[in-house]
Amino acid sequence: MKSTSKTFRVMALSSLAIVSLSLLTACGGVRRTAYICSAPAGAECRVNGVYYGKTPVAMPYLWNWYYEINLSKEGYQPVKDMKFFKPAFYNQIPFDFVTESLPFPVRETKELNYSLTPTK
């Protein structure tokens, strides 16, 4: 009888530990943000056709991939740029598994600065 209750306790504690670790690792992940600035500030910013506001802009993104950035402001020539967001070393295979499983968020940021040219 005692061995059955001991086995049950071990199984219950093991299950509790697994559930606790699963919940703990679900809290973290990578938070990716691109900061887009322009000189002068106040240019309308579109990324892949989606309007994000006037610069400076903080744009969250999920994937390290190609992004088309369009900036426009009255009195200035529009800027169109295709950027590849290269992943940091900790977001590449096999390290990304560990980074995504951490119990706290890891922040990855990109800063893009553009100078607008006045129209003549």
PDB file of N, CA and C in Angstrom:
ATOM      1  N   MET A   1       0.817  -1.193   0.000  1.00  0.00           N
ATOM      2  CA  MET A   1       0.000   0.000   0.000  1.00  0.00           C
ATOM      3  C   MET A   1       0.862   1.260   0.000  1.00  0.00           C
ATOM      4  N   LYS A   2       1.969   1.207   0.788  1.00  0.00           N
ATOM      5  CA  LYS A   2       2.830   2.378   0.871  1.00  0.00           C
ATOM      6  C   LYS A   2       3.523   2.660  -0.455  1.00  0.00           C
ATOM      7  N   SER A   3       3.914   1.627  -1.182  1.00  0.00           N
ATOM      8  CA  SER A   3       4.595   1.842  -2.455  1.00  0.00           C
ATOM      9  C   SER A   3       3.654   2.466  -3.484  1.00  0.00           C
ATOM     10  N   THR A   4       2.364   2.150  -3.423  1.00  0.00           N
ATOM     11  CA  THR A   4       1.392   2.744  -4.340  1.00  0.00           C
ATOM     12  C   THR A   4       1.231   4.227  -4.061  1.00  0.00           C
ATOM     13  N   SER A   5       1.142   4.607  -2.800  1.00  0.00           N
ATOM     14  CA  SER A   5       0.988   6.030  -2.478  1.00  0.00           C
ATOM     15  C   SER A   5       2.263   6.802  -2.798  1.00  0.00           C
ATOM     16  N   LYS A   6       3.419   6.162  -2.635  1.00  0.00           N
ATOM     17  CA  LYS A   6       4.682   6.821  -2.978  1.00  0.00           C
ATOM     18  C   LYS A   6       4.770   7.030  -4.491  1.00  0.00           C
ATOM     19  N   THR A   7       4.381   6.030  -5.254  1.00  0.00           N
ATOM     20  CA  THR A   7       4.368   6.144  -6.711  1.00  0.00           C
ATOM     21  C   THR A   7       3.403   7.239  -7.152  1.00  0.00           C
ATOM     22  N   PHE A   8       2.233   7.284  -6.524  1.00  0.00           N
ATOM     23  CA  PHE A   8       1.253   8.319  -6.858  1.00  0.00           C
ATOM     24  C   PHE A   8       1.814   9.709  -6.567  1.00  0.00           C
ATOM     25  N   ARG A   9       2.489   9.874  -5.428  1.00  0.00           N
ATOM     26  CA  ARG A   9       3.074  11.169  -5.073  1.00  0.00           C
ATOM     27  C   ARG A   9       4.148  11.591  -6.071  1.00  0.00           C
ATOM     28  N   VAL A  10       4.991  10.667  -6.470  1.00  0.00           N
ATOM     29  CA  VAL A  10       6.043  10.961  -7.445  1.00  0.00           C
ATOM     30  C   VAL A  10       5.428  11.369  -8.778  1.00  0.00           C
ATOM     31  N   MET A  11       4.403  10.651  -9.208  1.00  0.00           N
ATOM     32  CA  MET A  11       3.738  10.988 -10.473  1.00  0.00           C
ATOM     33  C   MET A  11       3.051  12.345 -10.385  1.00  0.00           C
ATOM     34  N   ALA A  12       2.411  12.628  -9.260  1.00  0.00           N
ATOM     35  CA  ALA A  12       1.723  13.909  -9.091  1.00  0.00           C
ATOM     36  C   ALA A  12       2.720  15.060  -9.088  1.00  0.00           C
ATOM     37  N   LEU A  13       3.829  14.901  -8.372  1.00  0.00           N
ATOM     38  CA  LEU A  13       4.850  15.957  -8.344  1.00  0.00           C
ATOM     39  C   LEU A  13       5.494  16.143  -9.710  1.00  0.00           C
ATOM     40  N   SER A  14       5.737  15.055 -10.421  1.00  0.00           N
ATOM     41  CA  SER A  14       6.305  15.148 -11.770  1.00  0.00           C
ATOM     42  C   SER A  14       5.348  15.877 -12.705  1.00  0.00           C
ATOM     43  N   SER A  15       4.078  15.545 -12.632  1.00  0.00           N
ATOM     44  CA  SER A  15       3.075  16.211 -13.471  1.00  0.00           C
ATOM     45  C   SER A  15       2.992  17.693 -13.141  1.00  0.00           C
ATOM     46  N   LEU A  16       3.012  18.023 -11.859  1.00  0.00           N
ATOM     47  CA  LEU A  16       2.971  19.418 -11.438  1.00  0.00           C
ATOM     48  C   LEU A  16       4.193  20.176 -11.942  1.00  0.00           C
ATOM     49  N   ALA A  17       5.362  19.552 -11.877  1.00  0.00           N
ATOM     50  CA  ALA A  17       6.588  20.190 -12.362  1.00  0.00           C
ATOM     51  C   ALA A  17       6.520  20.430 -13.868  1.00  0.00           C
ATOM     52  N   ILE A  18       6.026  19.464 -14.619  1.00  0.00           N
ATOM     53  CA  ILE A  18       5.923  19.611 -16.076  1.00  0.00           C
ATOM     54  C   ILE A  18       4.943  20.714 -16.439  1.00  0.00           C
ATOM     55  N   VAL A  19       3.795  20.746 -15.796  1.00  0.00           N
ATOM     56  CA  VAL A  19       2.802  21.792 -16.069  1.00  0.00           C
ATOM     57  C   VAL A  19       3.355  23.160 -15.690  1.00  0.00           C
ATOM     58  N   SER A  20       4.036  23.257 -14.549  1.00  0.00           N
ATOM     59  CA  SER A  20       4.611  24.532 -14.111  1.00  0.00           C
ATOM     60  C   SER A  20       5.653  25.034 -15.096  1.00  0.00           C
ATOM     61  N   LEU A  21       6.534  24.154 -15.548  1.00  0.00           N
ATOM     62  CA  LEU A  21       7.550  24.553 -16.520  1.00  0.00           C
ATOM     63  C   LEU A  21       6.923  24.954 -17.847  1.00  0.00           C
ATOM     64  N   SER A  22       5.891  24.256 -18.255  1.00  0.00           N
ATOM     65  CA  SER A  22       5.204  24.604 -19.506  1.00  0.00           C
ATOM     66  C   SER A  22       4.592  25.991 -19.421  1.00  0.00           C
ATOM     67  N   LEU A  23       3.943  26.294 -18.316  1.00  0.00           N
ATOM     68  CA  LEU A  23       3.348  27.619 -18.139  1.00  0.00           C
ATOM     69  C   LEU A  23       4.410  28.699 -18.040  1.00  0.00           C
ATOM     70  N   LEU A  24       5.514  28.394 -17.389  1.00  0.00           N
ATOM     71  CA  LEU A  24       6.589  29.364 -17.242  1.00  0.00           C
ATOM     72  C   LEU A  24       7.193  29.724 -18.589  1.00  0.00           C
ATOM     73  N   THR A  25       7.419  28.739 -19.441  1.00  0.00           N
ATOM     74  CA  THR A  25       8.047  29.013 -20.729  1.00  0.00           C
ATOM     75  C   THR A  25       7.091  29.666 -21.714  1.00  0.00           C
ATOM     76  N   ALA A  26       5.813  29.618 -21.455  1.00  0.00           N
ATOM     77  CA  ALA A  26       4.846  30.244 -22.360  1.00  0.00           C
ATOM     78  C   ALA A  26       4.820  31.757 -22.198  1.00  0.00           C
ATOM     79  N   CYS A  27       5.484  32.290 -21.200  1.00  0.00           N
ATOM     80  CA  CYS A  27       5.434  33.728 -20.908  1.00  0.00           C
ATOM     81  C   CYS A  27       6.406  34.547 -21.738  1.00  0.00           C
ATOM     82  N   GLY A  28       7.451  33.969 -22.245  1.00  0.00           N
ATOM     83  CA  GLY A  28       8.528  34.726 -22.870  1.00  0.00           C
ATOM     84  C   GLY A  28       8.344  34.932 -24.353  1.00  0.00           C
ATOM     85  N   GLY A  29       9.367  34.579 -25.095  1.00  0.00           N
ATOM     86  CA  GLY A  29       9.348  34.762 -26.530  1.00  0.00           C
ATOM     87  C   GLY A  29      10.154  35.979 -26.934  1.00  0.00           C
ATOM     88  N   VAL A  30      10.219  36.214 -28.220  1.00  0.00           N
ATOM     89  CA  VAL A  30      10.979  37.339 -28.752  1.00  0.00           C
ATOM     90  C   VAL A  30      10.015  38.446 -29.139  1.00  0.00           C
ATOM     91  N   ARG A  31      10.302  39.646 -28.697  1.00  0.00           N
ATOM     92  CA  ARG A  31       9.522  40.836 -29.057  1.00  0.00           C
ATOM     93  C   ARG A  31      10.356  41.630 -30.059  1.00  0.00           C
ATOM     94  N   ARG A  32       9.915  41.649 -31.315  1.00  0.00           N
ATOM     95  CA  ARG A  32      10.660  42.325 -32.380  1.00  0.00           C
ATOM     96  C   ARG A  32      10.006  43.667 -32.693  1.00  0.00           C
ATOM     97  N   THR A  33      10.823  44.718 -32.739  1.00  0.00           N
ATOM     98  CA  THR A  33      10.324  46.056 -33.038  1.00  0.00           C
ATOM     99  C   THR A  33      11.299  46.763 -33.965  1.00  0.00           C
ATOM    100  N   ALA A  34      10.771  47.400 -35.000  1.00  0.00           N
ATOM    101  CA  ALA A  34      11.571  48.236 -35.891  1.00  0.00           C
ATOM    102  C   ALA A  34      11.203  49.688 -35.624  1.00  0.00           C
ATOM    103  N   TYR A  35      12.216  50.512 -35.382  1.00  0.00           N
ATOM    104  CA  TYR A  35      12.016  51.945 -35.174  1.00  0.00           C
ATOM    105  C   TYR A  35      12.404  52.656 -36.460  1.00  0.00           C
ATOM    106  N   ILE A  36      11.425  53.338 -37.058  1.00  0.00           N
ATOM    107  CA  ILE A  36      11.642  54.017 -38.330  1.00  0.00           C
ATOM    108  C   ILE A  36      11.589  55.515 -38.082  1.00  0.00           C
ATOM    109  N   CYS A  37      12.694  56.196 -38.414  1.00  0.00           N
ATOM    110  CA  CYS A  37      12.800  57.645 -38.207  1.00  0.00           C
ATOM    111  C   CYS A  37      13.132  58.314 -39.530  1.00  0.00           C
ATOM    112  N   SER A  38      12.762  59.581 -39.630  1.00  0.00           N
ATOM    113  CA  SER A  38      13.102  60.347 -40.826  1.00  0.00           C
ATOM    114  C   SER A  38      13.537  61.746 -40.416  1.00  0.00           C
ATOM    115  N   ALA A  39      14.370  62.335 -41.269  1.00  0.00           N
ATOM    116  CA  ALA A  39      14.758  63.738 -41.093  1.00  0.00           C
ATOM    117  C   ALA A  39      14.265  64.468 -42.329  1.00  0.00           C
ATOM    118  N   PRO A  40      13.306  65.364 -42.212  1.00  0.00           N
ATOM    119  CA  PRO A  40      12.617  65.796 -41.003  1.00  0.00           C
ATOM    120  C   PRO A  40      11.564  64.766 -40.559  1.00  0.00           C
ATOM    121  N   ALA A  41      11.203  64.858 -39.284  1.00  0.00           N
ATOM    122  CA  ALA A  41      10.188  63.959 -38.724  1.00  0.00           C
ATOM    123  C   ALA A  41       8.812  64.314 -39.278  1.00  0.00           C
ATOM    124  N   GLY A  42       7.870  63.421 -39.130  1.00  0.00           N
ATOM    125  CA  GLY A  42       6.497  63.678 -39.558  1.00  0.00           C
ATOM    126  C   GLY A  42       6.144  63.116 -40.915  1.00  0.00           C
ATOM    127  N   ALA A  43       7.012  62.285 -41.494  1.00  0.00           N
ATOM    128  CA  ALA A  43       6.702  61.664 -42.784  1.00  0.00           C
ATOM    129  C   ALA A  43       5.731  60.506 -42.562  1.00  0.00           C
ATOM    130  N   GLU A  44       4.787  60.350 -43.475  1.00  0.00           N
ATOM    131  CA  GLU A  44       3.860  59.223 -43.399  1.00  0.00           C
ATOM    132  C   GLU A  44       4.619  57.940 -43.717  1.00  0.00           C
ATOM    133  N   CYS A  45       4.425  56.940 -42.885  1.00  0.00           N
ATOM    134  CA  CYS A  45       5.174  55.685 -43.012  1.00  0.00           C
ATOM    135  C   CYS A  45       4.229  54.537 -43.339  1.00  0.00           C
ATOM    136  N   ARG A  46       4.556  53.825 -44.417  1.00  0.00           N
ATOM    137  CA  ARG A  46       3.840  52.610 -44.798  1.00  0.00           C
ATOM    138  C   ARG A  46       4.865  51.489 -44.929  1.00  0.00           C
ATOM    139  N   VAL A  47       4.516  50.353 -44.355  1.00  0.00           N
ATOM    140  CA  VAL A  47       5.376  49.173 -44.463  1.00  0.00           C
ATOM    141  C   VAL A  47       4.534  48.060 -45.072  1.00  0.00           C
ATOM    142  N   ASN A  48       4.995  47.572 -46.227  1.00  0.00           N
ATOM    143  CA  ASN A  48       4.250  46.554 -46.990  1.00  0.00           C
ATOM    144  C   ASN A  48       2.815  47.003 -47.245  1.00  0.00           C
ATOM    145  N   GLY A  49       2.638  48.295 -47.489  1.00  0.00           N
ATOM    146  CA  GLY A  49       1.329  48.848 -47.808  1.00  0.00           C
ATOM    147  C   GLY A  49       0.458  49.180 -46.617  1.00  0.00           C
ATOM    148  N   VAL A  50       0.910  48.891 -45.402  1.00  0.00           N
ATOM    149  CA  VAL A  50       0.125  49.158 -44.192  1.00  0.00           C
ATOM    150  C   VAL A  50       0.611  50.460 -43.565  1.00  0.00           C
ATOM    151  N   TYR A  51      -0.329  51.369 -43.290  1.00  0.00           N
ATOM    152  CA  TYR A  51       0.009  52.668 -42.703  1.00  0.00           C
ATOM    153  C   TYR A  51       0.289  52.508 -41.211  1.00  0.00           C
ATOM    154  N   TYR A  52       1.454  53.000 -40.764  1.00  0.00           N
ATOM    155  CA  TYR A  52       1.845  52.895 -39.355  1.00  0.00           C
ATOM    156  C   TYR A  52       1.867  54.236 -38.640  1.00  0.00           C
ATOM    157  N   GLY A  53       1.642  55.314 -39.351  1.00  0.00           N
ATOM    158  CA  GLY A  53       1.635  56.620 -38.707  1.00  0.00           C
ATOM    159  C   GLY A  53       2.737  57.503 -39.261  1.00  0.00           C
ATOM    160  N   LYS A  54       2.987  58.590 -38.539  1.00  0.00           N
ATOM    161  CA  LYS A  54       4.026  59.542 -38.943  1.00  0.00           C
ATOM    162  C   LYS A  54       5.285  59.294 -38.127  1.00  0.00           C
ATOM    163  N   THR A  55       6.422  59.451 -38.810  1.00  0.00           N
ATOM    164  CA  THR A  55       7.702  59.183 -38.153  1.00  0.00           C
ATOM    165  C   THR A  55       7.941  60.175 -37.023  1.00  0.00           C
ATOM    166  N   PRO A  56       8.587  59.705 -35.959  1.00  0.00           N
ATOM    167  CA  PRO A  56       9.149  58.374 -35.725  1.00  0.00           C
ATOM    168  C   PRO A  56       8.069  57.350 -35.395  1.00  0.00           C
ATOM    169  N   VAL A  57       8.280  56.123 -35.872  1.00  0.00           N
ATOM    170  CA  VAL A  57       7.296  55.045 -35.744  1.00  0.00           C
ATOM    171  C   VAL A  57       7.962  53.821 -35.109  1.00  0.00           C
ATOM    172  N   ALA A  58       7.249  53.182 -34.204  1.00  0.00           N
ATOM    173  CA  ALA A  58       7.674  51.884 -33.660  1.00  0.00           C
ATOM    174  C   ALA A  58       6.751  50.834 -34.261  1.00  0.00           C
ATOM    175  N   MET A  59       7.328  49.932 -35.059  1.00  0.00           N
ATOM    176  CA  MET A  59       6.537  48.928 -35.757  1.00  0.00           C
ATOM    177  C   MET A  59       6.886  47.530 -35.240  1.00  0.00           C
ATOM    178  N   PRO A  60       5.943  46.848 -34.595  1.00  0.00           N
ATOM    179  CA  PRO A  60       6.220  45.462 -34.203  1.00  0.00           C
ATOM    180  C   PRO A  60       6.184  44.557 -35.438  1.00  0.00           C
ATOM    181  N   TYR A  61       7.050  43.560 -35.455  1.00  0.00           N
ATOM    182  CA  TYR A  61       7.038  42.607 -36.565  1.00  0.00           C
ATOM    183  C   TYR A  61       7.307  41.207 -36.034  1.00  0.00           C
ATOM    184  N   LEU A  62       6.850  40.216 -36.775  1.00  0.00           N
ATOM    185  CA  LEU A  62       6.978  38.825 -36.347  1.00  0.00           C
ATOM    186  C   LEU A  62       8.134  38.090 -37.005  1.00  0.00           C
ATOM    187  N   TRP A  63       8.410  38.422 -38.266  1.00  0.00           N
ATOM    188  CA  TRP A  63       9.357  37.630 -39.035  1.00  0.00           C
ATOM    189  C   TRP A  63      10.550  38.466 -39.458  1.00  0.00           C
ATOM    190  N   ASN A  64      11.726  37.854 -39.453  1.00  0.00           N
ATOM    191  CA  ASN A  64      12.913  38.467 -40.038  1.00  0.00           C
ATOM    192  C   ASN A  64      12.879  38.139 -41.527  1.00  0.00           C
ATOM    193  N   TRP A  65      12.458  39.125 -42.311  1.00  0.00           N
ATOM    194  CA  TRP A  65      12.284  38.914 -43.736  1.00  0.00           C
ATOM    195  C   TRP A  65      12.392  40.252 -44.434  1.00  0.00           C
ATOM    196  N   TYR A  66      11.929  40.340 -45.686  1.00  0.00           N
ATOM    197  CA  TYR A  66      11.986  41.576 -46.456  1.00  0.00           C
ATOM    198  C   TYR A  66      10.773  42.450 -46.157  1.00  0.00           C
ATOM    199  N   TYR A  67      11.017  43.742 -46.004  1.00  0.00           N
ATOM    200  CA  TYR A  67       9.949  44.709 -45.750  1.00  0.00           C
ATOM    201  C   TYR A  67      10.134  45.900 -46.687  1.00  0.00           C
ATOM    202  N   GLU A  68       9.033  46.310 -47.315  1.00  0.00           N
ATOM    203  CA  GLU A  68       9.058  47.480 -48.195  1.00  0.00           C
ATOM    204  C   GLU A  68       8.615  48.694 -47.387  1.00  0.00           C
ATOM    205  N   ILE A  69       9.510  49.663 -47.249  1.00  0.00           N
ATOM    206  CA  ILE A  69       9.240  50.861 -46.455  1.00  0.00           C
ATOM    207  C   ILE A  69       9.036  52.034 -47.402  1.00  0.00           C
ATOM    208  N   ASN A  70       7.902  52.715 -47.244  1.00  0.00           N
ATOM    209  CA  ASN A  70       7.583  53.903 -48.035  1.00  0.00           C
ATOM    210  C   ASN A  70       7.370  55.083 -47.098  1.00  0.00           C
ATOM    211  N   LEU A  71       8.114  56.161 -47.342  1.00  0.00           N
ATOM    212  CA  LEU A  71       7.962  57.392 -46.572  1.00  0.00           C
ATOM    213  C   LEU A  71       7.573  58.516 -47.523  1.00  0.00           C
ATOM    214  N   SER A  72       6.626  59.332 -47.106  1.00  0.00           N
ATOM    215  CA  SER A  72       6.231  60.475 -47.937  1.00  0.00           C
ATOM    216  C   SER A  72       5.856  61.645 -47.039  1.00  0.00           C
ATOM    217  N   LYS A  73       6.237  62.837 -47.507  1.00  0.00           N
ATOM    218  CA  LYS A  73       5.902  64.066 -46.795  1.00  0.00           C
ATOM    219  C   LYS A  73       5.786  65.167 -47.830  1.00  0.00           C
ATOM    220  N   GLU A  74       4.795  66.022 -47.638  1.00  0.00           N
ATOM    221  CA  GLU A  74       4.575  67.111 -48.583  1.00  0.00           C
ATOM    222  C   GLU A  74       5.810  68.007 -48.635  1.00  0.00           C
ATOM    223  N   GLY A  75       6.248  68.308 -49.870  1.00  0.00           N
ATOM    224  CA  GLY A  75       7.420  69.146 -50.074  1.00  0.00           C
ATOM    225  C   GLY A  75       8.721  68.362 -50.153  1.00  0.00           C
ATOM    226  N   TYR A  76       8.623  67.027 -50.053  1.00  0.00           N
ATOM    227  CA  TYR A  76       9.816  66.179 -50.096  1.00  0.00           C
ATOM    228  C   TYR A  76       9.585  65.024 -51.059  1.00  0.00           C
ATOM    229  N   GLN A  77      10.689  64.541 -51.640  1.00  0.00           N
ATOM    230  CA  GLN A  77      10.592  63.392 -52.535  1.00  0.00           C
ATOM    231  C   GLN A  77      10.278  62.140 -51.717  1.00  0.00           C
ATOM    232  N   PRO A  78       9.375  61.293 -52.218  1.00  0.00           N
ATOM    233  CA  PRO A  78       9.061  60.062 -51.479  1.00  0.00           C
ATOM    234  C   PRO A  78      10.258  59.108 -51.459  1.00  0.00           C
ATOM    235  N   VAL A  79      10.334  58.337 -50.405  1.00  0.00           N
ATOM    236  CA  VAL A  79      11.400  57.341 -50.251  1.00  0.00           C
ATOM    237  C   VAL A  79      10.762  55.959 -50.277  1.00  0.00           C
ATOM    238  N   LYS A  80      11.333  55.094 -51.114  1.00  0.00           N
ATOM    239  CA  LYS A  80      10.882  53.703 -51.184  1.00  0.00           C
ATOM    240  C   LYS A  80      12.116  52.831 -50.992  1.00  0.00           C
ATOM    241  N   ASP A  81      12.072  51.961 -49.991  1.00  0.00           N
ATOM    242  CA  ASP A  81      13.241  51.153 -49.665  1.00  0.00           C
ATOM    243  C   ASP A  81      12.799  49.733 -49.314  1.00  0.00           C
ATOM    244  N   MET A  82      13.556  48.764 -49.789  1.00  0.00           N
ATOM    245  CA  MET A  82      13.310  47.363 -49.455  1.00  0.00           C
ATOM    246  C   MET A  82      14.409  46.945 -48.482  1.00  0.00           C
ATOM    247  N   LYS A  83      14.012  46.555 -47.279  1.00  0.00           N
ATOM    248  CA  LYS A  83      14.976  46.176 -46.239  1.00  0.00           C
ATOM    249  C   LYS A  83      14.795  44.716 -45.859  1.00  0.00           C
ATOM    250  N   PHE A  84      15.914  44.052 -45.657  1.00  0.00           N
ATOM    251  CA  PHE A  84      15.897  42.691 -45.114  1.00  0.00           C
ATOM    252  C   PHE A  84      16.239  42.787 -43.639  1.00  0.00           C
ATOM    253  N   PHE A  85      15.354  42.302 -42.795  1.00  0.00           N
ATOM    254  CA  PHE A  85      15.603  42.292 -41.355  1.00  0.00           C
ATOM    255  C   PHE A  85      16.330  40.994 -41.022  1.00  0.00           C
ATOM    256  N   LYS A  86      17.636  41.095 -40.921  1.00  0.00           N
ATOM    257  CA  LYS A  86      18.458  39.925 -40.635  1.00  0.00           C
ATOM    258  C   LYS A  86      18.297  39.538 -39.169  1.00  0.00           C
ATOM    259  N   PRO A  87      18.080  38.258 -38.891  1.00  0.00           N
ATOM    260  CA  PRO A  87      17.903  37.838 -37.495  1.00  0.00           C
ATOM    261  C   PRO A  87      19.218  37.887 -36.724  1.00  0.00           C
ATOM    262  N   ALA A  88      19.112  38.184 -35.436  1.00  0.00           N
ATOM    263  CA  ALA A  88      20.268  38.119 -34.557  1.00  0.00           C
ATOM    264  C   ALA A  88      20.686  36.657 -34.407  1.00  0.00           C
ATOM    265  N   PHE A  89      21.910  36.428 -33.957  1.00  0.00           N
ATOM    266  CA  PHE A  89      22.407  35.050 -33.871  1.00  0.00           C
ATOM    267  C   PHE A  89      21.532  34.177 -32.974  1.00  0.00           C
ATOM    268  N   TYR A  90      20.940  34.780 -31.933  1.00  0.00           N
ATOM    269  CA  TYR A  90      20.123  33.988 -31.010  1.00  0.00           C
ATOM    270  C   TYR A  90      18.734  33.691 -31.576  1.00  0.00           C
ATOM    271  N   ASN A  91      18.427  34.193 -32.764  1.00  0.00           N
ATOM    272  CA  ASN A  91      17.159  33.884 -33.429  1.00  0.00           C
ATOM    273  C   ASN A  91      17.361  32.995 -34.647  1.00  0.00           C
ATOM    274  N   GLN A  92      18.492  32.313 -34.700  1.00  0.00           N
ATOM    275  CA  GLN A  92      18.765  31.387 -35.789  1.00  0.00           C
ATOM    276  C   GLN A  92      18.808  29.963 -35.237  1.00  0.00           C
ATOM    277  N   ILE A  93      18.518  29.018 -36.108  1.00  0.00           N
ATOM    278  CA  ILE A  93      18.518  27.605 -35.723  1.00  0.00           C
ATOM    279  C   ILE A  93      19.921  27.225 -35.260  1.00  0.00           C
ATOM    280  N   PRO A  94      20.152  26.544 -34.182  1.00  0.00           N
ATOM    281  CA  PRO A  94      19.240  25.933 -33.224  1.00  0.00           C
ATOM    282  C   PRO A  94      18.953  26.817 -32.013  1.00  0.00           C
ATOM    283  N   PHE A  95      19.566  28.011 -31.961  1.00  0.00           N
ATOM    284  CA  PHE A  95      19.443  28.866 -30.775  1.00  0.00           C
ATOM    285  C   PHE A  95      18.034  29.410 -30.581  1.00  0.00           C
ATOM    286  N   ASP A  96      17.270  29.549 -31.655  1.00  0.00           N
ATOM    287  CA  ASP A  96      15.938  30.151 -31.548  1.00  0.00           C
ATOM    288  C   ASP A  96      15.001  29.334 -30.663  1.00  0.00           C
ATOM    289  N   PHE A  97      15.209  28.028 -30.610  1.00  0.00           N
ATOM    290  CA  PHE A  97      14.368  27.200 -29.742  1.00  0.00           C
ATOM    291  C   PHE A  97      14.530  27.624 -28.284  1.00  0.00           C
ATOM    292  N   VAL A  98      15.767  27.863 -27.873  1.00  0.00           N
ATOM    293  CA  VAL A  98      16.037  28.289 -26.498  1.00  0.00           C
ATOM    294  C   VAL A  98      15.494  29.692 -26.269  1.00  0.00           C
ATOM    295  N   THR A  99      15.745  30.608 -27.192  1.00  0.00           N
ATOM    296  CA  THR A  99      15.304  31.995 -27.044  1.00  0.00           C
ATOM    297  C   THR A  99      13.793  32.089 -26.935  1.00  0.00           C
ATOM    298  N   GLU A 100      13.080  31.349 -27.761  1.00  0.00           N
ATOM    299  CA  GLU A 100      11.618  31.389 -27.730  1.00  0.00           C
ATOM    300  C   GLU A 100      11.044  30.714 -26.489  1.00  0.00           C
ATOM    301  N   SER A 101      11.828  29.861 -25.830  1.00  0.00           N
ATOM    302  CA  SER A 101      11.336  29.119 -24.669  1.00  0.00           C
ATOM    303  C   SER A 101      11.664  29.775 -23.331  1.00  0.00           C
ATOM    304  N   LEU A 102      12.399  30.860 -23.337  1.00  0.00           N
ATOM    305  CA  LEU A 102      12.762  31.512 -22.078  1.00  0.00           C
ATOM    306  C   LEU A 102      11.525  32.073 -21.390  1.00  0.00           C
ATOM    307  N   PRO A 103      11.525  32.111 -20.055  1.00  0.00           N
ATOM    308  CA  PRO A 103      10.339  32.593 -19.327  1.00  0.00           C
ATOM    309  C   PRO A 103      10.200  34.112 -19.302  1.00  0.00           C
ATOM    310  N   PHE A 104      11.091  34.824 -19.948  1.00  0.00           N
ATOM    311  CA  PHE A 104      11.018  36.283 -20.019  1.00  0.00           C
ATOM    312  C   PHE A 104      11.187  36.697 -21.477  1.00  0.00           C
ATOM    313  N   PRO A 105      10.648  37.862 -21.851  1.00  0.00           N
ATOM    314  CA  PRO A 105      10.756  38.271 -23.255  1.00  0.00           C
ATOM    315  C   PRO A 105      12.169  38.734 -23.620  1.00  0.00           C
ATOM    316  N   VAL A 106      12.597  38.375 -24.814  1.00  0.00           N
ATOM    317  CA  VAL A 106      13.862  38.841 -25.373  1.00  0.00           C
ATOM    318  C   VAL A 106      13.508  39.889 -26.418  1.00  0.00           C
ATOM    319  N   ARG A 107      14.158  41.037 -26.369  1.00  0.00           N
ATOM    320  CA  ARG A 107      13.834  42.133 -27.283  1.00  0.00           C
ATOM    321  C   ARG A 107      14.858  42.195 -28.418  1.00  0.00           C
ATOM    322  N   GLU A 108      14.329  42.248 -29.643  1.00  0.00           N
ATOM    323  CA  GLU A 108      15.164  42.439 -30.826  1.00  0.00           C
ATOM    324  C   GLU A 108      14.678  43.708 -31.511  1.00  0.00           C
ATOM    325  N   THR A 109      15.580  44.661 -31.714  1.00  0.00           N
ATOM    326  CA  THR A 109      15.177  45.930 -32.323  1.00  0.00           C
ATOM    327  C   THR A 109      16.015  46.223 -33.564  1.00  0.00           C
ATOM    328  N   LYS A 110      15.385  46.891 -34.494  1.00  0.00           N
ATOM    329  CA  LYS A 110      16.047  47.400 -35.697  1.00  0.00           C
ATOM    330  C   LYS A 110      15.792  48.901 -35.746  1.00  0.00           C
ATOM    331  N   GLU A 111      16.794  49.675 -36.105  1.00  0.00           N
ATOM    332  CA  GLU A 111      16.631  51.120 -36.252  1.00  0.00           C
ATOM    333  C   GLU A 111      16.903  51.496 -37.699  1.00  0.00           C
ATOM    334  N   LEU A 112      15.928  52.140 -38.316  1.00  0.00           N
ATOM    335  CA  LEU A 112      16.051  52.582 -39.702  1.00  0.00           C
ATOM    336  C   LEU A 112      15.919  54.097 -39.732  1.00  0.00           C
ATOM    337  N   ASN A 113      16.928  54.767 -40.270  1.00  0.00           N
ATOM    338  CA  ASN A 113      16.927  56.228 -40.355  1.00  0.00           C
ATOM    339  C   ASN A 113      16.993  56.645 -41.817  1.00  0.00           C
ATOM    340  N   TYR A 114      16.121  57.572 -42.183  1.00  0.00           N
ATOM    341  CA  TYR A 114      16.047  58.053 -43.561  1.00  0.00           C
ATOM    342  C   TYR A 114      16.121  59.571 -43.588  1.00  0.00           C
ATOM    343  N   SER A 115      16.778  60.098 -44.628  1.00  0.00           N
ATOM    344  CA  SER A 115      16.804  61.542 -44.869  1.00  0.00           C
ATOM    345  C   SER A 115      15.956  61.828 -46.096  1.00  0.00           C
ATOM    346  N   LEU A 116      14.989  62.712 -45.938  1.00  0.00           N
ATOM    347  CA  LEU A 116      14.126  63.084 -47.058  1.00  0.00           C
ATOM    348  C   LEU A 116      14.741  64.261 -47.796  1.00  0.00           C
ATOM    349  N   THR A 117      14.681  64.207 -49.133  1.00  0.00           N
ATOM    350  CA  THR A 117      15.231  65.263 -49.979  1.00  0.00           C
ATOM    351  C   THR A 117      14.113  66.209 -50.395  1.00  0.00           C
ATOM    352  N   PRO A 118      14.300  67.533 -50.191  1.00  0.00           N
ATOM    353  CA  PRO A 118      13.254  68.484 -50.600  1.00  0.00           C
ATOM    354  C   PRO A 118      13.049  68.463 -52.118  1.00  0.00           C
ATOM    355  N   THR A 119      11.806  68.660 -52.550  1.00  0.00           N
ATOM    356  CA  THR A 119      11.526  68.766 -53.982  1.00  0.00           C
ATOM    357  C   THR A 119      11.905  70.158 -54.445  1.00  0.00           C
ATOM    358  N   LYS A 120      12.231  70.275 -55.723  1.00  0.00           N
ATOM    359  CA  LYS A 120      12.671  71.577 -56.254  1.00  0.00           C
ATOM    360  C   LYS A 120      11.534  72.341 -56.841  1.00  0.00           C
TER     361      LYS A 120
END
